[in-house]
Protein backbone atom coordinates (compact mmCIF):
# COMPACT_ATOMS: atom_id res chain seq x y z
CA UNK A 1 -1.04 41.91 48.66
CA UNK A 2 2.33 40.20 46.84
CA UNK A 3 5.59 42.14 46.75
CA UNK A 4 4.99 42.77 43.18
CA UNK A 5 1.52 44.51 43.93
CA UNK A 6 3.46 46.28 46.66
CA UNK A 7 5.91 47.55 43.65
CA UNK A 8 3.09 48.38 41.38
CA UNK A 9 1.30 50.56 43.71
CA UNK A 10 4.40 52.38 44.86
CA UNK A 11 5.10 52.95 41.30
CA UNK A 12 1.54 54.58 40.94
CA UNK A 13 1.33 56.72 43.93
CA UNK A 14 4.59 58.49 42.79
CA UNK A 15 3.02 59.01 39.38
CA UNK A 16 0.39 60.58 40.62
CA UNK A 17 2.62 62.61 42.72
CA UNK A 18 4.50 63.82 39.85
CA UNK A 19 1.53 64.12 37.46
CA UNK A 20 1.41 67.94 36.89
CA UNK A 21 5.11 68.58 37.53
CA UNK A 22 6.71 70.21 34.54
CA UNK A 23 8.59 67.09 33.40
CA UNK A 24 8.12 64.78 30.72
CA UNK A 25 6.32 61.65 31.64
CA UNK A 26 7.83 60.21 34.87
CA UNK A 27 6.23 56.75 33.91
CA UNK A 28 8.60 56.51 30.81
CA UNK A 29 11.78 56.42 33.28
CA UNK A 30 10.17 53.08 34.83
CA UNK A 31 10.82 51.02 31.13
CA UNK A 32 14.90 51.34 31.93
CA UNK A 33 14.84 49.42 35.06
CA UNK A 34 15.78 46.29 33.59
CA UNK A 35 13.55 43.29 32.81
CA UNK A 36 12.68 41.75 35.71
CA UNK A 37 10.20 44.62 36.26
CA UNK A 38 8.71 43.72 33.07
CA UNK A 39 4.98 44.13 34.47
CA UNK A 40 6.07 47.64 35.83
CA UNK A 41 7.50 48.83 32.78
CA UNK A 42 4.18 48.13 30.54
CA UNK A 43 2.24 49.79 33.50
CA UNK A 44 4.46 52.94 32.71
CA UNK A 45 3.71 52.84 29.13
CA UNK A 46 0.24 53.09 29.90
CA UNK A 47 0.56 54.99 32.62
CA UNK A 48 3.87 56.40 30.99
CA UNK A 49 4.61 55.68 27.82
CA UNK A 50 6.00 52.54 26.29
CA UNK A 51 4.62 52.83 29.44
CA UNK A 52 1.99 53.78 29.70
CA UNK A 53 -1.09 51.66 30.91
CA UNK A 54 -4.26 52.68 32.16
CA UNK A 55 -4.59 52.34 36.20
CA UNK A 56 -2.33 55.56 36.45
CA UNK A 57 -4.20 57.89 34.17
CA UNK A 58 -7.90 55.82 35.35
CA UNK A 59 -6.64 57.19 39.13
CA UNK A 60 -5.11 60.28 38.58
CA UNK A 61 -7.78 61.25 36.56
CA UNK A 62 -10.31 60.45 39.15
CA UNK A 63 -8.34 61.92 42.09
CA UNK A 64 -6.80 65.08 40.35
CA UNK A 65 -8.35 68.75 40.61
CA UNK A 66 -10.59 70.52 37.98
CA UNK A 67 -8.75 72.53 35.48
CA UNK A 68 -9.78 75.29 32.96
CA UNK A 69 -11.03 73.29 29.83
CA UNK A 70 -11.77 74.29 26.31
CA UNK A 71 -15.84 74.05 25.39
CA UNK A 72 -16.81 71.36 22.98
CA UNK A 73 -15.44 71.06 19.34
CA UNK A 74 -18.24 70.55 16.76
CA UNK A 75 -17.88 67.46 15.30
CA UNK A 76 -16.51 68.60 12.16
CA UNK A 77 -14.11 69.66 13.93
CA UNK A 78 -12.82 66.41 14.72
CA UNK A 79 -10.06 64.06 13.01
CA UNK A 80 -10.68 60.82 11.35
CA UNK A 81 -7.18 60.35 10.95
CA UNK A 82 -7.51 57.45 12.40
CA UNK A 83 -8.63 53.63 10.89
CA UNK A 84 -12.80 54.38 10.97
CA UNK A 85 -14.85 53.44 14.28
CA UNK A 86 -15.81 50.14 14.39
CA UNK A 87 -17.99 49.30 17.46
CA UNK A 88 -16.78 45.99 19.03
CA UNK A 89 -19.32 43.65 19.26
CA UNK A 90 -19.15 41.39 21.81
CA UNK A 91 -16.47 44.02 23.31
CA UNK A 92 -12.80 42.99 24.35
CA UNK A 93 -12.67 42.14 27.71
CA UNK A 94 -8.67 40.82 28.04
CA UNK A 95 -6.06 42.82 27.28
CA UNK A 96 -5.39 40.11 24.70
CA UNK A 97 -8.38 41.06 22.86
CA UNK A 98 -7.53 44.86 23.23
CA UNK A 99 -4.18 43.85 21.47
CA UNK A 100 -6.02 42.72 18.29
CA UNK A 101 -8.37 45.67 18.26
CA UNK A 102 -5.29 47.80 18.77
CA UNK A 103 -3.48 46.41 15.70
CA UNK A 104 -7.00 46.84 13.15
CA UNK A 105 -7.06 50.42 14.51
CA UNK A 106 -3.49 52.15 14.21
CA UNK A 107 -2.76 53.49 10.72
CA UNK A 108 -1.98 51.62 7.80
CA UNK A 109 1.67 51.94 7.06
CA UNK A 110 2.88 50.87 10.90
CA UNK A 111 4.79 47.77 11.48
CA UNK A 112 3.64 46.06 14.57
CA UNK A 113 5.97 44.01 16.86
CA UNK A 114 6.63 42.87 20.41
CA UNK A 115 3.16 42.83 21.35
CA UNK A 116 2.84 43.17 25.69
CA UNK A 117 -0.24 43.32 27.60
CA UNK A 118 -1.20 44.03 31.08
CA UNK A 119 -4.37 42.61 32.55
CA UNK A 120 -5.54 43.69 35.99
CA UNK A 121 -9.09 43.13 36.69
CA UNK A 122 -8.60 43.04 40.41
CA UNK A 123 -8.56 45.95 42.50
CA UNK A 124 -5.32 47.95 43.02
CA UNK A 125 -4.18 48.72 46.30
CA UNK A 126 -3.41 52.69 46.00
CA UNK A 127 -5.55 54.71 48.29
CA UNK A 128 -8.13 53.10 50.51
CA UNK A 129 -11.52 53.09 48.95
CA UNK A 130 -10.33 53.79 45.56
CA UNK A 131 -10.98 50.79 43.50
CA UNK A 132 -10.17 50.71 39.30
CA UNK A 133 -9.99 47.76 36.86
CA UNK A 134 -7.69 48.30 33.86
CA UNK A 135 -6.43 46.58 30.95
CA UNK A 136 -3.59 47.68 28.46
CA UNK A 137 -2.19 46.43 25.05
CA UNK A 138 0.58 48.10 23.53
CA UNK A 139 3.14 46.99 20.19
CA UNK A 140 6.29 48.49 18.96
CA UNK A 141 5.96 50.30 15.92
CA UNK A 142 8.51 51.53 13.10
CA UNK A 143 7.65 52.68 10.10
CA UNK A 144 9.90 55.17 7.30
CA UNK A 145 10.43 57.59 10.22
CA UNK A 146 11.67 55.90 12.80
CA UNK A 147 10.48 53.96 15.99
CA UNK A 148 8.52 54.08 19.01
CA UNK A 149 5.51 52.43 21.38
CA UNK A 150 2.06 52.96 20.70
CA UNK A 151 -0.60 51.54 23.49
CA UNK A 152 -4.59 51.66 24.08
CA UNK A 153 -5.38 51.58 28.27
CA UNK A 154 -8.91 50.81 29.20
CA UNK A 155 -9.81 51.99 32.79
CA UNK A 156 -13.56 51.46 35.14
CA UNK A 157 -13.83 53.20 38.08
CA UNK A 158 -16.89 54.06 40.79
CA UNK A 159 -18.37 57.30 39.09
CA UNK A 160 -18.80 59.92 41.09
CA UNK A 161 -21.42 60.72 43.25
CA UNK A 162 -22.85 63.40 41.40
CA UNK A 163 -22.35 62.18 38.12
CA UNK A 164 -19.81 64.69 37.41
CA UNK A 165 -16.38 64.18 35.61
CA UNK A 166 -13.22 66.20 37.16
CA UNK A 167 -10.59 66.47 34.60
CA UNK A 168 -7.14 66.73 35.84
CA UNK A 169 -5.00 69.52 36.08
CA UNK A 170 -3.25 70.25 32.75
CA UNK A 171 -0.84 73.53 33.52
CA UNK A 172 1.81 72.22 31.94
CA UNK A 173 3.36 72.82 28.37
CA UNK A 174 1.77 70.87 25.64
CA UNK A 175 -1.20 69.99 28.05
CA UNK A 176 -4.77 70.76 26.69
CA UNK A 177 -8.38 69.82 28.09
CA UNK A 178 -11.49 69.99 25.79
CA UNK A 179 -15.20 69.04 27.08
CA UNK A 180 -16.81 66.35 25.27
CA UNK A 181 -21.25 66.55 24.57
CA UNK A 182 -21.69 63.77 27.05
CA UNK A 183 -20.01 65.61 30.10
CA UNK A 184 -16.24 63.95 29.88
CA UNK A 185 -13.42 65.25 28.99
CA UNK A 186 -10.66 64.68 26.18
CA UNK A 187 -7.05 65.20 27.93
CA UNK A 188 -4.10 66.01 25.64
CA UNK A 189 -0.60 65.95 26.84
CA UNK A 190 2.55 66.42 24.02
CA UNK A 191 5.18 67.31 26.27
CA UNK A 192 8.40 68.24 24.80
CA UNK A 193 11.62 66.05 25.02
CA UNK A 194 12.89 65.34 28.45
CA UNK A 195 16.50 66.37 28.78
CA UNK A 196 17.20 62.10 28.49
CA UNK A 197 15.58 61.86 25.71
CA UNK A 198 11.99 60.18 26.26
CA UNK A 199 9.21 61.73 24.83
CA UNK A 200 5.41 60.53 25.40
CA UNK A 201 2.35 61.52 24.30
CA UNK A 202 -1.21 60.78 25.53
CA UNK A 203 -5.08 61.21 24.64
CA UNK A 204 -7.10 60.42 27.72
CA UNK A 205 -10.58 60.75 27.47
CA UNK A 206 -12.79 60.46 30.98
CA UNK A 207 -16.15 59.70 30.92
CA UNK A 208 -19.02 60.87 33.36
CA UNK A 209 -19.69 56.77 33.85
CA UNK A 210 -16.66 55.91 35.12
CA UNK A 211 -14.79 54.86 32.21
CA UNK A 212 -11.35 55.89 30.93
CA UNK A 213 -9.28 55.40 27.55
CA UNK A 214 -5.56 56.31 27.13
CA UNK A 215 -3.96 56.11 23.21
CA UNK A 216 0.02 56.76 24.11
CA UNK A 217 2.70 56.77 21.88
CA UNK A 218 6.02 57.47 22.96
CA UNK A 219 9.73 56.98 22.18
CA UNK A 220 11.09 54.38 24.89
CA UNK A 221 12.08 50.86 24.09
CA UNK A 222 9.19 48.37 25.07
CA UNK A 223 9.61 44.90 27.60
CA UNK A 224 11.61 42.72 25.50
CA UNK A 225 14.11 44.85 23.72
CA UNK A 226 17.73 45.18 24.21
CA UNK A 227 17.90 49.01 23.71
CA UNK A 228 18.85 50.78 26.66
CA UNK A 229 18.35 54.30 24.91
CA UNK A 230 14.97 55.89 23.99
CA UNK A 231 14.70 55.88 20.11
CA UNK A 232 15.53 59.86 18.32
CA UNK A 233 12.53 60.26 16.38
CA UNK A 234 9.53 61.85 18.15
CA UNK A 235 6.44 59.31 18.87
CA UNK A 236 4.90 57.99 15.84
CA UNK A 237 1.43 58.95 16.38
CA UNK A 238 0.38 62.64 16.36
CA UNK A 239 -1.87 64.52 18.92
CA UNK A 240 -4.93 64.10 16.19
CA UNK A 241 -4.04 60.79 15.98
CA UNK A 242 -4.26 59.49 19.64
CA UNK A 243 -7.53 61.92 20.01
CA UNK A 244 -9.18 59.93 17.23
CA UNK A 245 -8.20 56.94 18.81
CA UNK A 246 -9.12 57.43 22.45
CA UNK A 247 -12.45 58.83 20.67
CA UNK A 248 -12.94 55.46 19.21
CA UNK A 249 -16.64 54.41 20.64
CA UNK A 250 -14.44 50.63 20.38
CA UNK A 251 -12.65 51.62 23.20
CA UNK A 252 -15.31 53.05 25.32
CA UNK A 253 -17.16 49.57 25.03
CA UNK A 254 -14.65 48.11 25.81
CA UNK A 255 -13.91 50.25 28.77
CA UNK A 256 -17.57 49.30 30.15
CA UNK A 257 -17.25 46.10 29.64
CA UNK A 258 -14.69 45.47 32.67
CA UNK A 259 -15.67 44.11 36.08
CA UNK A 260 -17.78 46.73 38.35
CA UNK A 261 -15.54 48.27 40.51
């Protein structure tokens, strides 16, 4: 294991430990640790916000205890705010392809720049016996209301032995879990702004086949930015938009196309 792998593993374990604490997404804070941690900051993106990147979400969802959930919403209740879904054929198989697909899926009117990716299809040494494959893509986005990061993460882990999905604990303000018709769960996390100004929102879909998709948006500057502080505006995608983006079947197809864990 390389030194960088060890650093990422330690960060992932720390994020998992803090997953249910009543504070904003801790991954966001990793984005401020300097350009030398570029890959780690990207991971936080999906794991964090600008950070966020899929490994944390996949592992946290796999290991976290069950939460009280809402019943499946009727089809008519689902948002169509995001760009209409078109299942990719063939499915994206790498982070670079996810970038292009993400560009086509975000709402019109957003100006995208500073793309970055995370592609880890080899095992992540988090916990013995736990194997996760994931890829992530993100941009800095801006519109008339502000600037922030938007990202997508897809992950694949071995399904549970009984084929059931155990959603993460969702006991902090701004978090809801909604059961899906296929036996999966949609977890929407919309925490308030942190004392330091960070704010990161995420919608994560976990399915019985072991795939996980996380759509995220936050006000944390991304890799390559000279800005040291969070942008003053809230995330540029709403909870409804993030949910619609995460539920897009194109991402599930991309997650299922990752190497088997």
